[in-house]
């Protein structure tokens, strides 16, 4: 459903039912909005999954995501769906995707420095 909506041009604020909002922040697609510079925004998580936290020093929460309907976002969600299938622990899959990409970026930048 999310992927279909993104492909149809609809941006999505995807949250768990137990999220609480303490203040209003405009995340519309206005040209004046600072959020327009980001395709995907995730909330920080504590240290779960622990192995990802140990590897890269942070994790993101799968229950709070802003997904703008852009080509990079659609490609990202397609990768997540391909890895996750219909049912999985999306937070674990998402964090592992980020950690593996982060590790690849770190190794390529350190080899560039040599």
Protein backbone atom coordinates (compact mmCIF):
# COMPACT_ATOMS: atom_id res chain seq x y z
CA UNK A 1 0.00 0.00 0.00
CA UNK A 2 2.73 2.49 0.97
CA UNK A 3 4.68 1.83 -2.20
CA UNK A 4 1.55 2.24 -4.33
CA UNK A 5 0.77 5.57 -2.66
CA UNK A 6 4.33 6.84 -3.18
CA UNK A 7 4.21 5.81 -6.85
CA UNK A 8 0.93 7.74 -7.18
CA UNK A 9 2.60 10.93 -5.89
CA UNK A 10 1.34 10.86 -2.32
CA UNK A 11 3.88 11.59 0.44
CA UNK A 12 3.32 9.65 3.65
CA UNK A 13 3.83 10.21 7.35
CA UNK A 14 3.91 6.61 8.57
CA UNK A 15 3.61 6.20 12.33
CA UNK A 16 2.77 3.50 14.83
CA UNK A 17 -0.57 3.85 16.56
CA UNK A 18 1.14 4.59 19.89
CA UNK A 19 3.09 7.66 18.69
CA UNK A 20 2.49 10.92 20.52
CA UNK A 21 2.90 14.33 18.90
CA UNK A 22 3.87 17.14 21.24
CA UNK A 23 3.96 20.04 18.78
CA UNK A 24 3.02 20.86 15.22
CA UNK A 25 5.78 20.98 12.61
CA UNK A 26 4.87 21.84 9.02
CA UNK A 27 6.26 19.09 6.76
CA UNK A 28 4.32 20.06 3.66
CA UNK A 29 6.00 20.18 0.26
CA UNK A 30 6.16 23.97 0.26
CA UNK A 31 9.29 25.35 -1.44
CA UNK A 32 9.90 27.36 1.73
CA UNK A 33 9.92 24.29 3.96
CA UNK A 34 13.28 22.98 5.21
CA UNK A 35 11.89 19.44 5.21
CA UNK A 36 11.73 19.59 1.40
CA UNK A 37 15.48 18.90 1.27
CA UNK A 38 14.93 15.38 2.67
CA UNK A 39 13.33 12.44 0.88
CA UNK A 40 13.10 10.19 3.94
CA UNK A 41 13.14 11.11 7.62
CA UNK A 42 13.29 8.53 10.43
CA UNK A 43 13.01 9.02 14.16
CA UNK A 44 15.94 7.86 16.27
CA UNK A 45 15.57 4.62 18.21
CA UNK A 46 17.32 3.69 21.44
CA UNK A 47 19.78 0.87 20.77
CA UNK A 48 17.58 -1.63 18.97
CA UNK A 49 18.72 -3.71 17.22
CA UNK A 50 21.79 -3.83 19.47
CA UNK A 51 24.14 -5.32 16.85
CA UNK A 52 23.42 -2.42 14.48
CA UNK A 53 23.92 0.11 17.28
CA UNK A 54 27.24 -1.53 18.14
CA UNK A 55 28.29 -1.36 14.48
CA UNK A 56 27.35 2.24 13.60
CA UNK A 57 26.45 3.98 16.87
CA UNK A 58 22.76 4.70 16.18
CA UNK A 59 19.51 3.08 15.07
CA UNK A 60 16.28 4.43 13.59
CA UNK A 61 12.72 3.73 14.62
CA UNK A 62 10.55 1.89 12.10
CA UNK A 63 7.43 3.40 13.66
CA UNK A 64 8.00 7.05 12.71
CA UNK A 65 8.85 7.81 9.09
CA UNK A 66 8.30 10.70 6.69
CA UNK A 67 8.39 9.46 3.09
CA UNK A 68 8.24 12.08 0.35
CA UNK A 69 7.02 10.84 -2.99
CA UNK A 70 10.31 11.11 -4.88
CA UNK A 71 12.27 8.68 -7.05
CA UNK A 72 14.94 8.09 -4.36
CA UNK A 73 12.25 7.37 -1.75
CA UNK A 74 10.45 4.95 -4.05
CA UNK A 75 13.73 3.14 -4.78
CA UNK A 76 14.46 2.95 -1.03
CA UNK A 77 11.01 1.53 -0.21
CA UNK A 78 11.28 -0.94 -3.11
CA UNK A 79 14.55 -2.24 -1.60
CA UNK A 80 12.93 -2.49 1.83
CA UNK A 81 9.93 -4.39 0.42
CA UNK A 82 12.23 -6.71 -1.58
CA UNK A 83 14.19 -7.56 1.58
CA UNK A 84 11.18 -7.69 3.87
CA UNK A 85 8.47 -9.31 1.79
CA UNK A 86 4.93 -9.12 3.13
CA UNK A 87 5.67 -9.68 6.82
CA UNK A 88 8.89 -9.07 8.75
CA UNK A 89 10.33 -6.97 11.54
CA UNK A 90 10.76 -3.90 9.37
CA UNK A 91 12.78 -2.07 12.02
CA UNK A 92 15.43 -4.79 12.01
CA UNK A 93 15.50 -4.96 8.21
CA UNK A 94 15.59 -1.15 7.89
CA UNK A 95 18.43 -0.78 10.40
CA UNK A 96 20.45 -3.55 8.79
CA UNK A 97 20.03 -1.89 5.38
CA UNK A 98 21.31 1.39 6.83
CA UNK A 99 24.17 -0.29 8.70
CA UNK A 100 25.32 -2.27 5.68
CA UNK A 101 25.18 0.80 3.44
CA UNK A 102 26.97 2.86 6.11
CA UNK A 103 29.71 0.23 6.42
CA UNK A 104 30.14 0.16 2.62
CA UNK A 105 30.38 3.97 2.52
CA UNK A 106 32.93 3.97 5.35
CA UNK A 107 35.11 1.32 3.71
CA UNK A 108 35.06 3.05 0.33
CA UNK A 109 35.91 6.43 1.87
CA UNK A 110 38.79 4.96 3.90
CA UNK A 111 40.19 3.24 0.79
CA UNK A 112 39.87 6.55 -1.06
CA UNK A 113 42.03 8.17 1.63
CA UNK A 114 44.93 5.76 1.06
